[in-house]
Amino acid sequence: MKLGFLTACLPRRSLEEIVTWAVSAGFEALEVAAWPDLGDRPFTATHLKAEDFGEREADEVRALFDEHRLTLSSLSFYDNNLHPDPDERAAINAHVRACIAAAALVGCPTVGTFVGRDPSKSVTENLRDAEKIFPPLVEQAGEKGVKLIIENCVMEGWHPDGYPGNLAYSPELWEWMFSLGLYLNFDPSHLVWMGIDPVTALRPYVDRIPHAQAKDIEVFPERRNRYGYPGRAVDRPDPWDVGWWRYRVPGLGQVDWRRLVDTLYEGGFDGVLSVEHEDPVWGGTEDRVRTGLRFAYSTLRPLLVA
């Protein structure tokens, strides 16, 4: 198992700069952000332009990673593949295809995205739509030797009432995803606030997890007693401000990383554990982000077999 991080936390840095720093900090892999360069959403970045990526670009990226003996673990484009606007949905689906093609060119084993959701439709209706959209994407990925992985992030901010906006938040939905040929990019933090024990949920599915993310969560039960699990309702100007929990870097929240890493090893996982840094305490400046990444490293590195 190797330890890496998702590059989206350093959006203003070039991929070369991030690679150099990652190696100096002891990381062994990078999950590379590959969103389109739209500049209008947090926690996204464009460190690889999938829509404009050919053999020359692939050679340059491979050389960069080979020079620093770093693993490129995944290309990340987490967006709503069931977007309610047909044109936006088509553009997102097309960019997933571009990421698959880019991953194949550069020899990257996985591409990460979301299932998503149209909030105007029921869960059942969304699942039927997804069953039409994803099989061609899975087929393209399979033909190119790439696995399409779905993160189990709830994406509550995509739903007007704070309900799940990404239909991949529970083991029930993971099994549905697997039936379509999709894989799981496992992130324990989202399970905690949904009331699901991450280790119990993880154990039966390790063989369908080629890549995992490391993000922690801090929960405030006294606030949940006021808001309920969907979060703030009366005054919620920020759709992502649930009000009773926040993301943290590993070691500063409530995930039991020792048990979780042990369960990954027990299940035969030998991929990359990638820190996804969305901690508001250790955010705001690049220096604080790097400190947060170092703290995550100090928490996780001792748990991994050298």
Protein backbone atom coordinates (compact mmCIF):
# COMPACT_ATOMS: atom_id res chain seq x y z
CA MET A 1 0.00 0.00 0.00
CA LYS A 2 1.33 3.45 -0.94
CA LEU A 3 0.49 6.82 0.60
CA GLY A 4 -0.45 9.74 -1.64
CA PHE A 5 -2.74 12.75 -1.84
CA LEU A 6 -5.22 14.41 -4.17
CA THR A 7 -3.64 17.44 -5.85
CA ALA A 8 -6.85 19.53 -5.80
CA CYS A 9 -5.85 21.05 -2.45
CA LEU A 10 -3.06 22.98 -4.21
CA PRO A 11 -4.96 24.40 -7.21
CA ARG A 12 -2.54 27.25 -7.98
CA ARG A 13 0.53 25.05 -8.19
CA SER A 14 1.71 23.28 -11.32
CA LEU A 15 1.85 19.50 -11.43
CA GLU A 16 5.64 19.65 -11.54
CA GLU A 17 5.74 21.79 -8.38
CA ILE A 18 3.37 19.44 -6.58
CA VAL A 19 5.34 16.35 -7.61
CA THR A 20 8.57 17.90 -6.31
CA TRP A 21 7.01 18.86 -2.97
CA ALA A 22 5.21 15.52 -2.57
CA VAL A 23 8.46 13.59 -2.88
CA SER A 24 10.23 15.90 -0.43
CA ALA A 25 7.40 15.32 2.08
CA GLY A 26 7.69 11.54 1.76
CA PHE A 27 4.56 10.79 -0.29
CA GLU A 28 4.72 7.96 -2.81
CA ALA A 29 1.75 8.71 -5.08
CA LEU A 30 -0.52 11.44 -6.41
CA GLU A 31 -4.19 11.41 -7.35
CA VAL A 32 -4.17 14.08 -10.05
CA ALA A 33 -6.97 16.62 -10.41
CA ALA A 34 -8.34 16.71 -13.96
CA TRP A 35 -11.38 18.98 -13.84
CA PRO A 36 -11.97 21.31 -16.80
CA ASP A 37 -10.39 24.71 -16.12
CA LEU A 38 -13.64 26.54 -15.28
CA GLY A 39 -12.41 28.26 -12.15
CA ASP A 40 -15.80 28.44 -10.46
CA ARG A 41 -15.92 25.63 -7.89
CA PRO A 42 -13.96 24.90 -4.70
CA PHE A 43 -11.98 21.70 -4.16
CA THR A 44 -11.27 21.34 -7.87
CA ALA A 45 -8.17 21.93 -9.97
CA THR A 46 -6.74 21.31 -13.42
CA HIS A 47 -3.35 19.67 -13.07
CA LEU A 48 -3.90 17.57 -16.19
CA LYS A 49 -5.94 18.85 -19.13
CA ALA A 50 -7.72 15.69 -20.19
CA GLU A 51 -9.60 17.34 -23.03
CA ASP A 52 -6.29 18.38 -24.62
CA PHE A 53 -4.06 15.43 -23.84
CA GLY A 54 -2.11 13.47 -26.42
CA GLU A 55 1.00 11.33 -26.73
CA ARG A 56 3.35 14.28 -26.17
CA GLU A 57 1.62 15.31 -22.95
CA ALA A 58 1.49 11.69 -21.79
CA ASP A 59 5.23 11.30 -22.38
CA GLU A 60 5.92 14.46 -20.34
CA VAL A 61 3.76 13.34 -17.42
CA ARG A 62 5.24 9.82 -17.40
CA ALA A 63 8.76 11.26 -17.47
CA LEU A 64 7.94 13.60 -14.57
CA PHE A 65 6.59 10.80 -12.39
CA ASP A 66 9.31 8.34 -13.39
CA GLU A 67 12.05 10.87 -12.62
CA HIS A 68 10.72 11.30 -9.09
CA ARG A 69 9.77 7.61 -8.64
CA LEU A 70 6.19 8.61 -7.90
CA THR A 71 2.99 6.71 -8.73
CA LEU A 72 0.14 8.39 -10.61
CA SER A 73 -2.71 6.59 -8.87
CA SER A 74 -5.83 8.14 -10.43
CA LEU A 75 -7.23 10.98 -12.51
CA SER A 76 -9.94 12.82 -10.61
CA PHE A 77 -13.00 14.49 -12.09
CA TYR A 78 -15.76 14.38 -9.51
CA ASP A 79 -18.89 15.89 -11.03
CA ASN A 80 -22.59 15.18 -11.48
CA ASN A 81 -23.00 12.63 -14.27
CA LEU A 82 -26.81 12.84 -13.79
CA HIS A 83 -26.94 16.63 -13.94
CA PRO A 84 -30.52 17.85 -14.53
CA ASP A 85 -29.50 20.11 -17.42
CA PRO A 86 -29.09 17.89 -20.52
CA ASP A 87 -26.30 19.97 -22.03
CA GLU A 88 -24.37 20.09 -18.76
CA ARG A 89 -24.84 16.36 -18.27
CA ALA A 90 -23.56 15.65 -21.77
CA ALA A 91 -20.49 17.84 -21.18
CA ILE A 92 -19.71 16.06 -17.90
CA ASN A 93 -20.13 12.61 -19.46
CA ALA A 94 -17.85 13.69 -22.32
CA HIS A 95 -15.17 14.86 -19.90
CA VAL A 96 -15.25 11.50 -18.12
CA ARG A 97 -14.55 9.94 -21.52
CA ALA A 98 -11.64 12.36 -22.01
CA CYS A 99 -10.23 11.41 -18.61
CA ILE A 100 -10.47 7.71 -19.47
CA ALA A 101 -8.57 8.30 -22.71
CA ALA A 102 -5.93 10.40 -20.94
CA ALA A 103 -5.51 7.78 -18.20
CA ALA A 104 -4.94 5.09 -20.80
CA LEU A 105 -2.32 7.19 -22.58
CA VAL A 106 -0.35 7.90 -19.43
CA GLY A 107 -0.74 4.42 -17.92
CA CYS A 108 -2.91 5.50 -14.99
CA PRO A 109 -5.06 2.62 -13.68
CA THR A 110 -8.18 4.48 -12.52
CA VAL A 111 -10.44 7.46 -13.22
CA GLY A 112 -12.56 8.81 -10.40
CA THR A 113 -15.96 10.47 -10.71
CA PHE A 114 -19.44 10.62 -9.11
CA VAL A 115 -22.72 8.99 -10.05
CA GLY A 116 -24.50 12.22 -9.15
CA ARG A 117 -28.23 12.87 -9.07
CA ASP A 118 -31.03 14.87 -10.67
CA PRO A 119 -32.70 16.31 -7.53
CA SER A 120 -36.02 16.73 -9.37
CA LYS A 121 -36.32 12.93 -9.73
CA SER A 122 -36.69 10.08 -7.25
CA VAL A 123 -33.77 7.85 -6.34
CA THR A 124 -35.31 5.04 -8.39
CA GLU A 125 -35.67 7.25 -11.47
CA ASN A 126 -32.06 8.39 -11.11
CA LEU A 127 -30.81 4.82 -10.87
CA ARG A 128 -32.62 3.91 -14.08
CA ASP A 129 -30.99 6.92 -15.82
CA ALA A 130 -27.58 5.91 -14.49
CA GLU A 131 -28.07 2.39 -15.83
CA LYS A 132 -28.17 3.92 -19.31
CA ILE A 133 -25.33 6.42 -18.90
CA PHE A 134 -22.63 4.38 -17.17
CA PRO A 135 -22.39 1.10 -19.15
CA PRO A 136 -20.88 2.82 -22.23
CA LEU A 137 -18.38 4.64 -19.98
CA VAL A 138 -17.49 1.37 -18.23
CA GLU A 139 -17.10 -0.33 -21.61
CA GLN A 140 -14.75 2.40 -22.86
CA ALA A 141 -12.71 2.18 -19.66
CA GLY A 142 -12.48 -1.59 -19.88
CA GLU A 143 -11.33 -1.49 -23.49
CA LYS A 144 -8.50 0.85 -22.45
CA GLY A 145 -7.49 -1.07 -19.33
CA VAL A 146 -8.80 1.58 -16.93
CA LYS A 147 -11.15 1.15 -13.97
CA LEU A 148 -13.89 3.74 -13.44
CA ILE A 149 -14.14 4.41 -9.70
CA ILE A 150 -16.90 6.22 -7.80
CA GLU A 151 -16.28 8.05 -4.54
CA ASN A 152 -18.94 7.55 -1.88
CA CYS A 153 -19.18 11.29 -1.11
CA VAL A 154 -22.75 12.29 -0.25
CA MET A 155 -22.60 15.67 -2.07
CA GLU A 156 -25.43 17.02 0.06
CA GLY A 157 -24.87 20.54 -1.32
CA TRP A 158 -26.18 19.45 -4.73
CA HIS A 159 -29.66 18.80 -3.30
CA PRO A 160 -31.81 21.82 -2.34
CA ASP A 161 -32.78 20.18 0.97
CA GLY A 162 -29.38 18.77 1.86
CA TYR A 163 -30.22 15.18 0.96
CA PRO A 164 -27.71 12.93 -0.85
CA GLY A 165 -26.73 14.40 -4.21
CA ASN A 166 -24.48 11.51 -5.24
CA LEU A 167 -26.09 8.08 -5.28
CA ALA A 168 -23.09 6.18 -3.95
CA TYR A 169 -23.36 6.86 -0.23
CA SER A 170 -24.15 3.38 1.15
CA PRO A 171 -23.19 -0.29 0.71
CA GLU A 172 -26.60 -0.94 -0.85
CA LEU A 173 -25.74 1.52 -3.61
CA TRP A 174 -22.19 0.19 -3.92
CA GLU A 175 -23.60 -3.23 -4.80
CA TRP A 176 -25.80 -1.60 -7.44
CA MET A 177 -22.74 0.23 -8.83
CA PHE A 178 -20.69 -2.96 -8.94
CA SER A 179 -23.44 -4.59 -11.02
CA LEU A 180 -22.73 -1.94 -13.68
CA GLY A 181 -18.98 -2.66 -13.67
CA LEU A 182 -18.07 0.37 -11.56
CA TYR A 183 -15.57 0.28 -8.70
CA LEU A 184 -15.41 2.19 -5.40
CA ASN A 185 -12.99 4.93 -4.38
CA PHE A 186 -13.56 4.35 -0.67
CA ASP A 187 -13.63 7.42 1.64
CA PRO A 188 -14.54 6.64 5.27
CA SER A 189 -15.37 10.21 6.33
CA HIS A 190 -18.72 10.35 4.51
CA LEU A 191 -19.93 7.16 6.13
CA VAL A 192 -19.46 8.48 9.66
CA TRP A 193 -21.98 11.31 9.41
CA MET A 194 -24.42 9.04 7.59
CA GLY A 195 -24.44 6.76 10.65
CA ILE A 196 -22.52 3.92 8.94
CA ASP A 197 -19.48 2.36 10.58
CA PRO A 198 -16.67 2.67 8.01
CA VAL A 199 -14.81 -0.50 9.00
CA THR A 200 -17.94 -2.67 9.03
CA ALA A 201 -18.99 -1.22 5.66
CA LEU A 202 -15.54 -1.68 4.15
CA ARG A 203 -14.86 -5.29 5.08
CA PRO A 204 -17.03 -7.14 2.49
CA TYR A 205 -16.01 -4.96 -0.46
CA VAL A 206 -12.23 -4.58 -0.37
CA ASP A 207 -11.89 -6.56 -3.61
CA ARG A 208 -13.95 -3.88 -5.41
CA ILE A 209 -11.78 -1.02 -4.12
CA PRO A 210 -8.73 -0.38 -6.33
CA HIS A 211 -8.13 3.05 -4.76
CA ALA A 212 -8.99 4.60 -1.40
CA GLN A 213 -9.08 8.13 0.00
CA ALA A 214 -8.05 9.22 3.46
CA LYS A 215 -10.20 11.97 4.92
CA ASP A 216 -11.32 12.34 8.52
CA ILE A 217 -14.41 13.94 10.04
CA GLU A 218 -15.22 15.73 13.29
CA VAL A 219 -18.80 15.35 14.50
CA PHE A 220 -20.62 17.60 17.01
CA PRO A 221 -23.56 15.52 18.37
CA GLU A 222 -25.05 18.42 20.35
CA ARG A 223 -25.52 20.34 17.08
CA ARG A 224 -26.99 17.30 15.34
CA ASN A 225 -29.58 17.17 18.09
CA ARG A 226 -30.71 20.60 16.93
CA TYR A 227 -30.55 20.20 13.14
CA GLY A 228 -30.99 16.48 12.44
CA TYR A 229 -28.80 14.70 9.94
CA PRO A 230 -29.69 16.82 6.83
CA GLY A 231 -28.29 19.85 8.66
CA ARG A 232 -29.25 23.50 8.87
CA ALA A 233 -32.66 24.29 7.35
CA VAL A 234 -33.82 27.79 8.38
CA ASP A 235 -30.58 29.68 7.78
CA ARG A 236 -28.20 27.94 5.38
CA PRO A 237 -26.71 30.42 2.92
CA ASP A 238 -23.90 27.97 2.16
CA PRO A 239 -25.42 24.68 0.92
CA TRP A 240 -22.32 22.82 2.12
CA ASP A 241 -22.54 24.13 5.69
CA VAL A 242 -24.43 21.28 7.35
CA GLY A 243 -23.69 22.79 10.74
CA TRP A 244 -22.92 19.72 12.82
CA TRP A 245 -19.78 18.18 11.32
CA ARG A 246 -16.66 19.19 9.39
CA TYR A 247 -13.94 17.40 7.47
CA ARG A 248 -10.49 17.01 9.06
CA VAL A 249 -7.16 15.60 7.95
CA PRO A 250 -6.54 12.03 9.16
CA GLY A 251 -5.79 11.91 12.87
CA LEU A 252 -7.87 14.95 13.84
CA GLY A 253 -11.30 13.38 13.59
CA GLN A 254 -13.18 10.27 14.59
CA VAL A 255 -12.16 7.68 11.98
CA ASP A 256 -10.26 4.74 13.51
CA TRP A 257 -7.39 4.65 11.04
CA ARG A 258 -5.62 1.74 12.69
CA ARG A 259 -8.67 -0.52 12.29
CA LEU A 260 -9.42 0.78 8.83
CA VAL A 261 -5.91 0.27 7.42
CA ASP A 262 -5.77 -3.17 9.05
CA THR A 263 -9.07 -4.07 7.33
CA LEU A 264 -7.70 -2.93 3.97
CA TYR A 265 -4.62 -5.11 4.44
CA GLU A 266 -6.71 -8.06 5.62
CA GLY A 267 -8.83 -7.80 2.47
CA GLY A 268 -5.78 -7.78 0.19
CA PHE A 269 -5.75 -4.09 -0.75
CA ASP A 270 -2.43 -3.11 -2.31
CA GLY A 271 -3.36 0.17 -3.98
CA VAL A 272 -2.92 3.79 -2.98
CA LEU A 273 -4.36 5.45 0.11
CA SER A 274 -4.76 9.05 -1.03
CA VAL A 275 -5.23 11.94 1.40
CA GLU A 276 -8.09 14.21 0.32
CA HIS A 277 -7.41 17.46 2.16
CA GLU A 278 -10.62 19.44 2.76
CA ASP A 279 -9.90 20.41 6.38
CA PRO A 280 -11.08 24.01 7.02
CA VAL A 281 -8.78 24.35 10.03
CA TRP A 282 -5.69 23.50 7.98
CA GLY A 283 -6.81 25.39 4.87
CA GLY A 284 -6.86 28.94 3.62
CA THR A 285 -3.19 29.24 2.68
CA GLU A 286 -0.77 26.93 0.93
CA ASP A 287 1.45 26.78 4.00
CA ARG A 288 -1.47 25.59 6.14
CA VAL A 289 -2.53 23.07 3.50
CA ARG A 290 0.99 21.65 3.41
CA THR A 291 1.02 21.46 7.22
CA GLY A 292 -2.26 19.56 7.08
CA LEU A 293 -0.82 17.14 4.54
CA ARG A 294 2.24 16.60 6.74
CA PHE A 295 -0.01 15.88 9.72
CA ALA A 296 -1.97 13.35 7.65
CA TYR A 297 1.32 11.76 6.61
CA SER A 298 2.50 11.51 10.24
CA THR A 299 -0.79 9.80 11.16
CA LEU A 300 -0.92 7.30 8.31
CA ARG A 301 2.69 6.48 7.43
CA PRO A 302 3.34 4.46 10.63
CA LEU A 303 0.30 2.28 9.82
CA LEU A 304 1.55 1.25 6.38
CA VAL A 305 3.96 -1.61 5.82
CA ALA A 306 7.17 -0.28 4.34
